[in-house]
Amino acid sequence: MIKYLIKNITFMNLLLFAALFFLAGYIVLPLFTSAAKYTPPPAKKAPVEGNEQQQQPQIQAPSPMDYVIIADQNLQDISFLAISAASS
């Protein structure tokens, strides 16, 4: 078994093993030696039910027609650029 392993060792295998060892060191070791600690922020208290006036107003999304108008403007700009490039 050992003779089989020694016989099949190539430079490429050694290079791949070295790269694996090198990358594992850069990935695993910082997890244990890192001095940075994360402390999550304190949890927010639930709002009191009597304070309905303090609720934020809901924001309405733009209508689909607004998006159609923007798409048409973009198509007009592209066609203008294509025409001006063709005439040059």
C-alpha atoms as a PDB file:
ATOM      1  CA  MET A   1       0.000   0.000   0.000  1.00  0.00           C
ATOM      2  CA  ILE A   2       2.775   2.453   0.897  1.00  0.00           C
ATOM      3  CA  LYS A   3       4.725   1.501  -2.229  1.00  0.00           C
ATOM      4  CA  TYR A   4       1.602   2.227  -4.300  1.00  0.00           C
ATOM      5  CA  LEU A   5       1.249   5.714  -2.754  1.00  0.00           C
ATOM      6  CA  ILE A   6       4.933   6.540  -3.197  1.00  0.00           C
ATOM      7  CA  LYS A   7       4.830   5.341  -6.778  1.00  0.00           C
ATOM      8  CA  ASN A   8       1.862   7.597  -7.656  1.00  0.00           C
ATOM      9  CA  ILE A   9       3.087  10.832  -6.055  1.00  0.00           C
ATOM     10  CA  THR A  10       3.559  13.459  -8.741  1.00  0.00           C
ATOM     11  CA  PHE A  11       4.575  17.077  -8.706  1.00  0.00           C
ATOM     12  CA  MET A  12       1.023  18.124  -9.558  1.00  0.00           C
ATOM     13  CA  ASN A  13      -0.392  16.168  -6.626  1.00  0.00           C
ATOM     14  CA  LEU A  14       2.116  17.792  -4.274  1.00  0.00           C
ATOM     15  CA  LEU A  15       1.251  21.208  -5.687  1.00  0.00           C
ATOM     16  CA  LEU A  16      -2.478  20.610  -5.236  1.00  0.00           C
ATOM     17  CA  PHE A  17      -1.964  19.349  -1.698  1.00  0.00           C
ATOM     18  CA  ALA A  18       0.117  22.444  -0.855  1.00  0.00           C
ATOM     19  CA  ALA A  19      -2.572  24.726  -2.306  1.00  0.00           C
ATOM     20  CA  LEU A  20      -5.263  22.912  -0.326  1.00  0.00           C
ATOM     21  CA  PHE A  21      -3.246  23.207   2.869  1.00  0.00           C
ATOM     22  CA  PHE A  22      -2.529  26.906   2.208  1.00  0.00           C
ATOM     23  CA  LEU A  23      -6.174  27.783   1.508  1.00  0.00           C
ATOM     24  CA  ALA A  24      -7.437  25.784   4.463  1.00  0.00           C
ATOM     25  CA  GLY A  25      -5.069  27.749   6.682  1.00  0.00           C
ATOM     26  CA  TYR A  26      -6.426  31.045   5.378  1.00  0.00           C
ATOM     27  CA  ILE A  27     -10.040  29.958   5.745  1.00  0.00           C
ATOM     28  CA  VAL A  28     -10.036  28.002   9.013  1.00  0.00           C
ATOM     29  CA  LEU A  29      -7.385  29.680  11.157  1.00  0.00           C
ATOM     30  CA  PRO A  30      -8.941  33.188  11.166  1.00  0.00           C
ATOM     31  CA  LEU A  31     -12.101  31.684  12.599  1.00  0.00           C
ATOM     32  CA  PHE A  32     -10.220  30.751  15.756  1.00  0.00           C
ATOM     33  CA  THR A  33      -7.754  33.639  16.027  1.00  0.00           C
ATOM     34  CA  SER A  34     -10.036  36.570  15.179  1.00  0.00           C
ATOM     35  CA  ALA A  35     -10.128  39.285  17.831  1.00  0.00           C
ATOM     36  CA  ALA A  36     -13.271  40.933  16.427  1.00  0.00           C
ATOM     37  CA  LYS A  37     -16.384  40.185  18.422  1.00  0.00           C
ATOM     38  CA  TYR A  38     -19.918  40.910  17.317  1.00  0.00           C
ATOM     39  CA  THR A  39     -22.519  41.998  19.797  1.00  0.00           C
ATOM     40  CA  PRO A  40     -26.052  42.265  18.388  1.00  0.00           C
ATOM     41  CA  PRO A  41     -28.035  45.414  19.125  1.00  0.00           C
ATOM     42  CA  PRO A  42     -30.617  45.193  21.903  1.00  0.00           C
ATOM     43  CA  ALA A  43     -34.096  44.100  20.880  1.00  0.00           C
ATOM     44  CA  LYS A  44     -36.653  46.822  20.335  1.00  0.00           C
ATOM     45  CA  LYS A  45     -39.669  46.905  22.564  1.00  0.00           C
ATOM     46  CA  ALA A  46     -43.040  46.154  21.014  1.00  0.00           C
ATOM     47  CA  PRO A  47     -45.173  49.284  20.463  1.00  0.00           C
ATOM     48  CA  VAL A  48     -47.961  49.895  22.906  1.00  0.00           C
ATOM     49  CA  GLU A  49     -51.408  49.284  21.408  1.00  0.00           C
ATOM     50  CA  GLY A  50     -52.740  52.687  22.531  1.00  0.00           C
ATOM     51  CA  ASN A  51     -50.261  54.622  20.338  1.00  0.00           C
ATOM     52  CA  GLU A  52     -51.980  54.138  16.991  1.00  0.00           C
ATOM     53  CA  GLN A  53     -51.334  57.779  16.077  1.00  0.00           C
ATOM     54  CA  GLN A  54     -47.578  57.193  15.985  1.00  0.00           C
ATOM     55  CA  GLN A  55     -47.769  54.562  13.265  1.00  0.00           C
ATOM     56  CA  GLN A  56     -45.960  55.450  10.091  1.00  0.00           C
ATOM     57  CA  PRO A  57     -48.106  56.103   7.049  1.00  0.00           C
ATOM     58  CA  GLN A  58     -48.016  53.418   4.401  1.00  0.00           C
ATOM     59  CA  ILE A  59     -46.177  54.318   1.216  1.00  0.00           C
ATOM     60  CA  GLN A  60     -48.055  53.620  -1.981  1.00  0.00           C
ATOM     61  CA  ALA A  61     -46.125  52.008  -4.813  1.00  0.00           C
ATOM     62  CA  PRO A  62     -46.119  53.770  -8.174  1.00  0.00           C
ATOM     63  CA  SER A  63     -48.766  52.665 -10.620  1.00  0.00           C
ATOM     64  CA  PRO A  64     -47.827  50.317 -13.476  1.00  0.00           C
ATOM     65  CA  MET A  65     -48.491  53.137 -15.954  1.00  0.00           C
ATOM     66  CA  ASP A  66     -45.557  55.071 -14.500  1.00  0.00           C
ATOM     67  CA  TYR A  67     -43.288  52.167 -15.421  1.00  0.00           C
ATOM     68  CA  VAL A  68     -44.749  52.023 -18.941  1.00  0.00           C
ATOM     69  CA  ILE A  69     -44.005  55.697 -19.472  1.00  0.00           C
ATOM     70  CA  ILE A  70     -40.372  55.234 -18.373  1.00  0.00           C
ATOM     71  CA  ALA A  71     -39.982  52.194 -20.643  1.00  0.00           C
ATOM     72  CA  ASP A  72     -41.326  54.152 -23.623  1.00  0.00           C
ATOM     73  CA  GLN A  73     -38.915  57.006 -22.912  1.00  0.00           C
ATOM     74  CA  ASN A  74     -36.012  54.561 -22.792  1.00  0.00           C
ATOM     75  CA  LEU A  75     -37.044  53.037 -26.124  1.00  0.00           C
ATOM     76  CA  GLN A  76     -37.264  56.493 -27.708  1.00  0.00           C
ATOM     77  CA  ASP A  77     -33.781  57.344 -26.426  1.00  0.00           C
ATOM     78  CA  ILE A  78     -32.370  54.116 -27.835  1.00  0.00           C
ATOM     79  CA  SER A  79     -34.018  54.635 -31.224  1.00  0.00           C
ATOM     80  CA  PHE A  80     -32.682  58.204 -31.335  1.00  0.00           C
ATOM     81  CA  LEU A  81     -29.163  56.941 -30.616  1.00  0.00           C
ATOM     82  CA  ALA A  82     -29.471  54.255 -33.274  1.00  0.00           C
ATOM     83  CA  ILE A  83     -30.655  56.770 -35.886  1.00  0.00           C
ATOM     84  CA  SER A  84     -27.917  59.272 -35.032  1.00  0.00           C
ATOM     85  CA  ALA A  85     -25.254  56.525 -35.127  1.00  0.00           C
ATOM     86  CA  ALA A  86     -26.496  55.287 -38.502  1.00  0.00           C
ATOM     87  CA  SER A  87     -26.450  58.771 -40.014  1.00  0.00           C
ATOM     88  CA  SER A  88     -22.854  59.450 -38.932  1.00  0.00           C
END
